[in-house]
Amino acid sequence: MLLVKCNDFCNGRVLHLGHVRMITTAEALGLRTYDLFVHNTGTGPGVGSIVDQHRAARAHSYLIIFRKPLRRRAVTS
């Protein structure tokens, strides 16, 4: 099993869906998504120093659990 904690973020006014990127990358490596937890971290990040906010504040993160597919046993006669 592989546990990955990640979050979505904005950089240069571009939204990056970190959890989608993690799932896509893991599945390309042959892992399967086993479970997904969304962790609410409270009221959100402090925005006191932000003058011009363009996107919603994200107050959650993800814990994604991946598994390697089980190998099937070879049938012997």
PDB file of N, CA and C in Angstrom:
ATOM      1  N   MET A   1       0.844  -1.186   0.000  1.00  0.00           N
ATOM      2  CA  MET A   1       0.000   0.000   0.000  1.00  0.00           C
ATOM      3  C   MET A   1       0.883   1.241   0.000  1.00  0.00           C
ATOM      4  N   LEU A   2       0.380   2.298  -0.626  1.00  0.00           N
ATOM      5  CA  LEU A   2       1.064   3.583  -0.671  1.00  0.00           C
ATOM      6  C   LEU A   2       0.074   4.644  -0.224  1.00  0.00           C
ATOM      7  N   LEU A   3       0.449   5.440   0.778  1.00  0.00           N
ATOM      8  CA  LEU A   3      -0.386   6.529   1.266  1.00  0.00           C
ATOM      9  C   LEU A   3       0.228   7.841   0.809  1.00  0.00           C
ATOM     10  N   VAL A   4      -0.601   8.713   0.221  1.00  0.00           N
ATOM     11  CA  VAL A   4      -0.130  10.002  -0.285  1.00  0.00           C
ATOM     12  C   VAL A   4      -1.044  11.091   0.265  1.00  0.00           C
ATOM     13  N   LYS A   5      -0.431  12.092   0.912  1.00  0.00           N
ATOM     14  CA  LYS A   5      -1.197  13.257   1.354  1.00  0.00           C
ATOM     15  C   LYS A   5      -0.873  14.400   0.401  1.00  0.00           C
ATOM     16  N   CYS A   6      -1.902  15.048  -0.137  1.00  0.00           N
ATOM     17  CA  CYS A   6      -1.696  16.130  -1.093  1.00  0.00           C
ATOM     18  C   CYS A   6      -2.850  17.114  -1.004  1.00  0.00           C
ATOM     19  N   ASN A   7      -2.728  18.192  -1.751  1.00  0.00           N
ATOM     20  CA  ASN A   7      -3.807  19.165  -1.813  1.00  0.00           C
ATOM     21  C   ASN A   7      -3.821  19.844  -3.173  1.00  0.00           C
ATOM     22  N   ASP A   8      -4.890  20.545  -3.447  1.00  0.00           N
ATOM     23  CA  ASP A   8      -5.004  21.346  -4.652  1.00  0.00           C
ATOM     24  C   ASP A   8      -4.443  22.732  -4.324  1.00  0.00           C
ATOM     25  N   PHE A   9      -3.919  23.412  -5.340  1.00  0.00           N
ATOM     26  CA  PHE A   9      -3.308  24.710  -5.074  1.00  0.00           C
ATOM     27  C   PHE A   9      -3.384  25.588  -6.311  1.00  0.00           C
ATOM     28  N   CYS A  10      -3.178  26.876  -6.100  1.00  0.00           N
ATOM     29  CA  CYS A  10      -3.110  27.852  -7.185  1.00  0.00           C
ATOM     30  C   CYS A  10      -1.696  28.383  -7.265  1.00  0.00           C
ATOM     31  N   ASN A  11      -1.210  28.561  -8.478  1.00  0.00           N
ATOM     32  CA  ASN A  11       0.102  29.146  -8.708  1.00  0.00           C
ATOM     33  C   ASN A  11      -0.002  30.005  -9.960  1.00  0.00           C
ATOM     34  N   GLY A  12       0.268  31.273  -9.819  1.00  0.00           N
ATOM     35  CA  GLY A  12       0.172  32.177 -10.967  1.00  0.00           C
ATOM     36  C   GLY A  12      -1.228  32.237 -11.546  1.00  0.00           C
ATOM     37  N   ARG A  13      -2.223  32.258 -10.700  1.00  0.00           N
ATOM     38  CA  ARG A  13      -3.642  32.286 -11.086  1.00  0.00           C
ATOM     39  C   ARG A  13      -4.099  31.053 -11.852  1.00  0.00           C
ATOM     40  N   VAL A  14      -3.318  29.985 -11.791  1.00  0.00           N
ATOM     41  CA  VAL A  14      -3.693  28.726 -12.437  1.00  0.00           C
ATOM     42  C   VAL A  14      -3.996  27.705 -11.347  1.00  0.00           C
ATOM     43  N   LEU A  15      -5.157  27.095 -11.428  1.00  0.00           N
ATOM     44  CA  LEU A  15      -5.551  26.076 -10.456  1.00  0.00           C
ATOM     45  C   LEU A  15      -4.928  24.738 -10.835  1.00  0.00           C
ATOM     46  N   HIS A  16      -4.237  24.113  -9.891  1.00  0.00           N
ATOM     47  CA  HIS A  16      -3.632  22.799 -10.082  1.00  0.00           C
ATOM     48  C   HIS A  16      -4.354  21.810  -9.180  1.00  0.00           C
ATOM     49  N   LEU A  17      -4.974  20.803  -9.763  1.00  0.00           N
ATOM     50  CA  LEU A  17      -5.684  19.784  -8.997  1.00  0.00           C
ATOM     51  C   LEU A  17      -4.692  18.691  -8.617  1.00  0.00           C
ATOM     52  N   GLY A  18      -4.050  18.872  -7.477  1.00  0.00           N
ATOM     53  CA  GLY A  18      -3.008  17.959  -7.031  1.00  0.00           C
ATOM     54  C   GLY A  18      -3.496  16.540  -6.837  1.00  0.00           C
ATOM     55  N   HIS A  19      -4.712  16.378  -6.311  1.00  0.00           N
ATOM     56  CA  HIS A  19      -5.212  15.014  -6.075  1.00  0.00           C
ATOM     57  C   HIS A  19      -5.473  14.283  -7.393  1.00  0.00           C
ATOM     58  N   VAL A  20      -5.922  15.017  -8.405  1.00  0.00           N
ATOM     59  CA  VAL A  20      -6.149  14.391  -9.715  1.00  0.00           C
ATOM     60  C   VAL A  20      -4.815  13.987 -10.337  1.00  0.00           C
ATOM     61  N   ARG A  21      -3.810  14.842 -10.209  1.00  0.00           N
ATOM     62  CA  ARG A  21      -2.491  14.551 -10.743  1.00  0.00           C
ATOM     63  C   ARG A  21      -1.883  13.321 -10.059  1.00  0.00           C
ATOM     64  N   MET A  22      -2.064  13.212  -8.732  1.00  0.00           N
ATOM     65  CA  MET A  22      -1.539  12.051  -7.996  1.00  0.00           C
ATOM     66  C   MET A  22      -2.208  10.757  -8.442  1.00  0.00           C
ATOM     67  N   ILE A  23      -3.512  10.786  -8.597  1.00  0.00           N
ATOM     68  CA  ILE A  23      -4.245   9.584  -9.012  1.00  0.00           C
ATOM     69  C   ILE A  23      -3.840   9.174 -10.428  1.00  0.00           C
ATOM     70  N   THR A  24      -3.748  10.141 -11.335  1.00  0.00           N
ATOM     71  CA  THR A  24      -3.365   9.843 -12.709  1.00  0.00           C
ATOM     72  C   THR A  24      -1.962   9.254 -12.781  1.00  0.00           C
ATOM     73  N   THR A  25      -1.025   9.837 -12.037  1.00  0.00           N
ATOM     74  CA  THR A  25       0.349   9.353 -12.039  1.00  0.00           C
ATOM     75  C   THR A  25       0.444   7.956 -11.437  1.00  0.00           C
ATOM     76  N   ALA A  26      -0.229   7.730 -10.316  1.00  0.00           N
ATOM     77  CA  ALA A  26      -0.180   6.419  -9.665  1.00  0.00           C
ATOM     78  C   ALA A  26      -0.780   5.334 -10.556  1.00  0.00           C
ATOM     79  N   GLU A  27      -1.886   5.632 -11.209  1.00  0.00           N
ATOM     80  CA  GLU A  27      -2.503   4.638 -12.090  1.00  0.00           C
ATOM     81  C   GLU A  27      -1.626   4.369 -13.306  1.00  0.00           C
ATOM     82  N   ALA A  28      -0.897   5.384 -13.786  1.00  0.00           N
ATOM     83  CA  ALA A  28       0.032   5.162 -14.892  1.00  0.00           C
ATOM     84  C   ALA A  28       1.188   4.256 -14.462  1.00  0.00           C
ATOM     85  N   LEU A  29       1.513   4.261 -13.174  1.00  0.00           N
ATOM     86  CA  LEU A  29       2.563   3.392 -12.639  1.00  0.00           C
ATOM     87  C   LEU A  29       2.053   1.996 -12.289  1.00  0.00           C
ATOM     88  N   GLY A  30       0.766   1.751 -12.519  1.00  0.00           N
ATOM     89  CA  GLY A  30       0.211   0.428 -12.278  1.00  0.00           C
ATOM     90  C   GLY A  30      -0.455   0.255 -10.926  1.00  0.00           C
ATOM     91  N   LEU A  31      -0.615   1.346 -10.155  1.00  0.00           N
ATOM     92  CA  LEU A  31      -1.286   1.255  -8.861  1.00  0.00           C
ATOM     93  C   LEU A  31      -2.777   1.488  -9.054  1.00  0.00           C
ATOM     94  N   ARG A  32      -3.537   1.004  -8.091  1.00  0.00           N
ATOM     95  CA  ARG A  32      -4.988   1.229  -8.120  1.00  0.00           C
ATOM     96  C   ARG A  32      -5.392   2.065  -6.921  1.00  0.00           C
ATOM     97  N   THR A  33      -6.325   2.984  -7.132  1.00  0.00           N
ATOM     98  CA  THR A  33      -6.822   3.797  -6.033  1.00  0.00           C
ATOM     99  C   THR A  33      -7.710   2.928  -5.164  1.00  0.00           C
ATOM    100  N   TYR A  34      -7.340   2.820  -3.885  1.00  0.00           N
ATOM    101  CA  TYR A  34      -8.063   1.966  -2.951  1.00  0.00           C
ATOM    102  C   TYR A  34      -9.063   2.782  -2.130  1.00  0.00           C
ATOM    103  N   ASP A  35      -8.653   3.964  -1.676  1.00  0.00           N
ATOM    104  CA  ASP A  35      -9.544   4.790  -0.864  1.00  0.00           C
ATOM    105  C   ASP A  35      -9.078   6.237  -0.923  1.00  0.00           C
ATOM    106  N   LEU A  36      -9.964   7.157  -0.550  1.00  0.00           N
ATOM    107  CA  LEU A  36      -9.656   8.580  -0.572  1.00  0.00           C
ATOM    108  C   LEU A  36     -10.335   9.232   0.629  1.00  0.00           C
ATOM    109  N   PHE A  37      -9.544   9.963   1.419  1.00  0.00           N
ATOM    110  CA  PHE A  37     -10.072  10.696   2.568  1.00  0.00           C
ATOM    111  C   PHE A  37      -9.888  12.183   2.297  1.00  0.00           C
ATOM    112  N   VAL A  38     -10.890  12.971   2.658  1.00  0.00           N
ATOM    113  CA  VAL A  38     -10.792  14.420   2.569  1.00  0.00           C
ATOM    114  C   VAL A  38     -10.709  14.939   3.999  1.00  0.00           C
ATOM    115  N   HIS A  39      -9.616  15.642   4.306  1.00  0.00           N
ATOM    116  CA  HIS A  39      -9.385  16.154   5.652  1.00  0.00           C
ATOM    117  C   HIS A  39      -9.641  17.649   5.668  1.00  0.00           C
ATOM    118  N   ASN A  40     -10.623  18.069   6.467  1.00  0.00           N
ATOM    119  CA  ASN A  40     -10.937  19.486   6.601  1.00  0.00           C
ATOM    120  C   ASN A  40     -10.015  20.076   7.660  1.00  0.00           C
ATOM    121  N   THR A  41      -9.254  21.108   7.305  1.00  0.00           N
ATOM    122  CA  THR A  41      -8.258  21.661   8.219  1.00  0.00           C
ATOM    123  C   THR A  41      -8.759  22.871   8.992  1.00  0.00           C
ATOM    124  N   GLY A  42     -10.011  23.194   8.924  1.00  0.00           N
ATOM    125  CA  GLY A  42     -10.535  24.321   9.693  1.00  0.00           C
ATOM    126  C   GLY A  42     -11.171  25.369   8.810  1.00  0.00           C
ATOM    127  N   THR A  43     -11.009  26.619   9.221  1.00  0.00           N
ATOM    128  CA  THR A  43     -11.701  27.712   8.533  1.00  0.00           C
ATOM    129  C   THR A  43     -10.980  28.184   7.284  1.00  0.00           C
ATOM    130  N   GLY A  44      -9.807  27.658   7.027  1.00  0.00           N
ATOM    131  CA  GLY A  44      -9.088  28.037   5.821  1.00  0.00           C
ATOM    132  C   GLY A  44      -7.831  28.806   6.138  1.00  0.00           C
ATOM    133  N   PRO A  45      -6.999  28.993   5.135  1.00  0.00           N
ATOM    134  CA  PRO A  45      -5.753  29.716   5.352  1.00  0.00           C
ATOM    135  C   PRO A  45      -6.015  31.188   5.646  1.00  0.00           C
ATOM    136  N   GLY A  46      -5.106  31.798   6.385  1.00  0.00           N
ATOM    137  CA  GLY A  46      -5.240  33.221   6.686  1.00  0.00           C
ATOM    138  C   GLY A  46      -5.093  34.044   5.422  1.00  0.00           C
ATOM    139  N   VAL A  47      -5.985  34.965   5.219  1.00  0.00           N
ATOM    140  CA  VAL A  47      -5.953  35.777   4.011  1.00  0.00           C
ATOM    141  C   VAL A  47      -5.725  37.244   4.341  1.00  0.00           C
ATOM    142  N   GLY A  48      -5.132  37.536   5.489  1.00  0.00           N
ATOM    143  CA  GLY A  48      -4.927  38.917   5.904  1.00  0.00           C
ATOM    144  C   GLY A  48      -3.996  39.683   4.993  1.00  0.00           C
ATOM    145  N   SER A  49      -2.992  39.024   4.444  1.00  0.00           N
ATOM    146  CA  SER A  49      -2.017  39.726   3.613  1.00  0.00           C
ATOM    147  C   SER A  49      -2.361  39.679   2.125  1.00  0.00           C
ATOM    148  N   ILE A  50      -3.405  38.974   1.764  1.00  0.00           N
ATOM    149  CA  ILE A  50      -3.794  38.881   0.360  1.00  0.00           C
ATOM    150  C   ILE A  50      -4.643  40.101   0.003  1.00  0.00           C
ATOM    151  N   VAL A  51      -4.215  40.863  -0.977  1.00  0.00           N
ATOM    152  CA  VAL A  51      -4.910  42.085  -1.363  1.00  0.00           C
ATOM    153  C   VAL A  51      -6.024  41.783  -2.359  1.00  0.00           C
ATOM    154  N   ASP A  52      -5.732  40.932  -3.328  1.00  0.00           N
ATOM    155  CA  ASP A  52      -6.673  40.666  -4.411  1.00  0.00           C
ATOM    156  C   ASP A  52      -6.810  39.151  -4.581  1.00  0.00           C
ATOM    157  N   GLN A  53      -7.853  38.564  -4.004  1.00  0.00           N
ATOM    158  CA  GLN A  53      -8.046  37.116  -4.066  1.00  0.00           C
ATOM    159  C   GLN A  53      -8.869  36.758  -5.289  1.00  0.00           C
ATOM    160  N   HIS A  54      -8.368  35.808  -6.109  1.00  0.00           N
ATOM    161  CA  HIS A  54      -9.042  35.441  -7.358  1.00  0.00           C
ATOM    162  C   HIS A  54      -9.715  34.083  -7.302  1.00  0.00           C
ATOM    163  N   ARG A  55      -9.364  33.271  -6.341  1.00  0.00           N
ATOM    164  CA  ARG A  55      -9.928  31.919  -6.238  1.00  0.00           C
ATOM    165  C   ARG A  55     -10.382  31.661  -4.811  1.00  0.00           C
ATOM    166  N   ALA A  56     -11.182  30.627  -4.656  1.00  0.00           N
ATOM    167  CA  ALA A  56     -11.648  30.223  -3.329  1.00  0.00           C
ATOM    168  C   ALA A  56     -10.475  29.696  -2.504  1.00  0.00           C
ATOM    169  N   ALA A  57     -10.500  29.994  -1.210  1.00  0.00           N
ATOM    170  CA  ALA A  57      -9.479  29.458  -0.303  1.00  0.00           C
ATOM    171  C   ALA A  57      -9.760  27.973  -0.085  1.00  0.00           C
ATOM    172  N   ARG A  58      -8.717  27.184  -0.081  1.00  0.00           N
ATOM    173  CA  ARG A  58      -8.862  25.750   0.119  1.00  0.00           C
ATOM    174  C   ARG A  58      -8.509  25.405   1.544  1.00  0.00           C
ATOM    175  N   ALA A  59      -9.441  24.786   2.246  1.00  0.00           N
ATOM    176  CA  ALA A  59      -9.238  24.435   3.652  1.00  0.00           C
ATOM    177  C   ALA A  59      -9.318  22.927   3.836  1.00  0.00           C
ATOM    178  N   HIS A  60      -8.803  22.184   2.874  1.00  0.00           N
ATOM    179  CA  HIS A  60      -8.832  20.728   3.000  1.00  0.00           C
ATOM    180  C   HIS A  60      -7.629  20.132   2.265  1.00  0.00           C
ATOM    181  N   SER A  61      -7.342  18.898   2.629  1.00  0.00           N
ATOM    182  CA  SER A  61      -6.299  18.139   1.946  1.00  0.00           C
ATOM    183  C   SER A  61      -6.837  16.730   1.716  1.00  0.00           C
ATOM    184  N   TYR A  62      -6.089  15.949   0.975  1.00  0.00           N
ATOM    185  CA  TYR A  62      -6.516  14.596   0.621  1.00  0.00           C
ATOM    186  C   TYR A  62      -5.499  13.583   1.128  1.00  0.00           C
ATOM    187  N   LEU A  63      -5.984  12.458   1.579  1.00  0.00           N
ATOM    188  CA  LEU A  63      -5.144  11.297   1.851  1.00  0.00           C
ATOM    189  C   LEU A  63      -5.631  10.219   0.891  1.00  0.00           C
ATOM    190  N   ILE A  64      -4.774   9.836  -0.033  1.00  0.00           N
ATOM    191  CA  ILE A  64      -5.138   8.847  -1.047  1.00  0.00           C
ATOM    192  C   ILE A  64      -4.367   7.568  -0.748  1.00  0.00           C
ATOM    193  N   ILE A  65      -5.074   6.461  -0.753  1.00  0.00           N
ATOM    194  CA  ILE A  65      -4.454   5.159  -0.508  1.00  0.00           C
ATOM    195  C   ILE A  65      -4.464   4.382  -1.813  1.00  0.00           C
ATOM    196  N   PHE A  66      -3.277   3.956  -2.220  1.00  0.00           N
ATOM    197  CA  PHE A  66      -3.111   3.167  -3.439  1.00  0.00           C
ATOM    198  C   PHE A  66      -2.674   1.754  -3.077  1.00  0.00           C
ATOM    199  N   ARG A  67      -3.008   0.809  -3.926  1.00  0.00           N
ATOM    200  CA  ARG A  67      -2.580  -0.581  -3.769  1.00  0.00           C
ATOM    201  C   ARG A  67      -2.055  -1.105  -5.089  1.00  0.00           C
ATOM    202  N   LYS A  68      -1.111  -2.012  -4.959  1.00  0.00           N
ATOM    203  CA  LYS A  68      -0.674  -2.737  -6.148  1.00  0.00           C
ATOM    204  C   LYS A  68      -1.728  -3.788  -6.452  1.00  0.00           C
ATOM    205  N   PRO A  69      -2.034  -4.024  -7.719  1.00  0.00           N
ATOM    206  CA  PRO A  69      -3.002  -5.074  -8.046  1.00  0.00           C
ATOM    207  C   PRO A  69      -2.462  -6.429  -7.595  1.00  0.00           C
ATOM    208  N   LEU A  70      -3.355  -7.255  -7.107  1.00  0.00           N
ATOM    209  CA  LEU A  70      -2.953  -8.591  -6.693  1.00  0.00           C
ATOM    210  C   LEU A  70      -2.615  -9.431  -7.911  1.00  0.00           C
ATOM    211  N   ARG A  71      -1.561 -10.192  -7.784  1.00  0.00           N
ATOM    212  CA  ARG A  71      -1.190 -11.106  -8.883  1.00  0.00           C
ATOM    213  C   ARG A  71      -2.069 -12.334  -8.812  1.00  0.00           C
ATOM    214  N   ARG A  72      -2.451 -12.790  -9.948  1.00  0.00           N
ATOM    215  CA  ARG A  72      -3.233 -14.033 -10.009  1.00  0.00           C
ATOM    216  C   ARG A  72      -2.276 -15.209 -10.028  1.00  0.00           C
ATOM    217  N   ARG A  73      -2.656 -16.219  -9.315  1.00  0.00           N
ATOM    218  CA  ARG A  73      -1.822 -17.415  -9.280  1.00  0.00           C
ATOM    219  C   ARG A  73      -1.913 -18.172 -10.614  1.00  0.00           C
ATOM    220  N   ALA A  74      -0.795 -18.712 -11.005  1.00  0.00           N
ATOM    221  CA  ALA A  74      -0.782 -19.510 -12.234  1.00  0.00           C
ATOM    222  C   ALA A  74      -1.506 -20.824 -11.948  1.00  0.00           C
ATOM    223  N   VAL A  75      -2.333 -21.216 -12.884  1.00  0.00           N
ATOM    224  CA  VAL A  75      -3.065 -22.469 -12.753  1.00  0.00           C
ATOM    225  C   VAL A  75      -2.179 -23.607 -13.212  1.00  0.00           C
ATOM    226  N   THR A  76      -1.975 -24.575 -12.347  1.00  0.00           N
ATOM    227  CA  THR A  76      -1.170 -25.743 -12.709  1.00  0.00           C
ATOM    228  C   THR A  76      -2.094 -26.937 -12.901  1.00  0.00           C
ATOM    229  N   SER A  77      -1.774 -27.772 -13.839  1.00  0.00           N
ATOM    230  CA  SER A  77      -2.634 -28.933 -14.103  1.00  0.00           C
ATOM    231  C   SER A  77      -2.069 -30.185 -13.519  1.00  0.00           C
TER     232      SER A  77
END
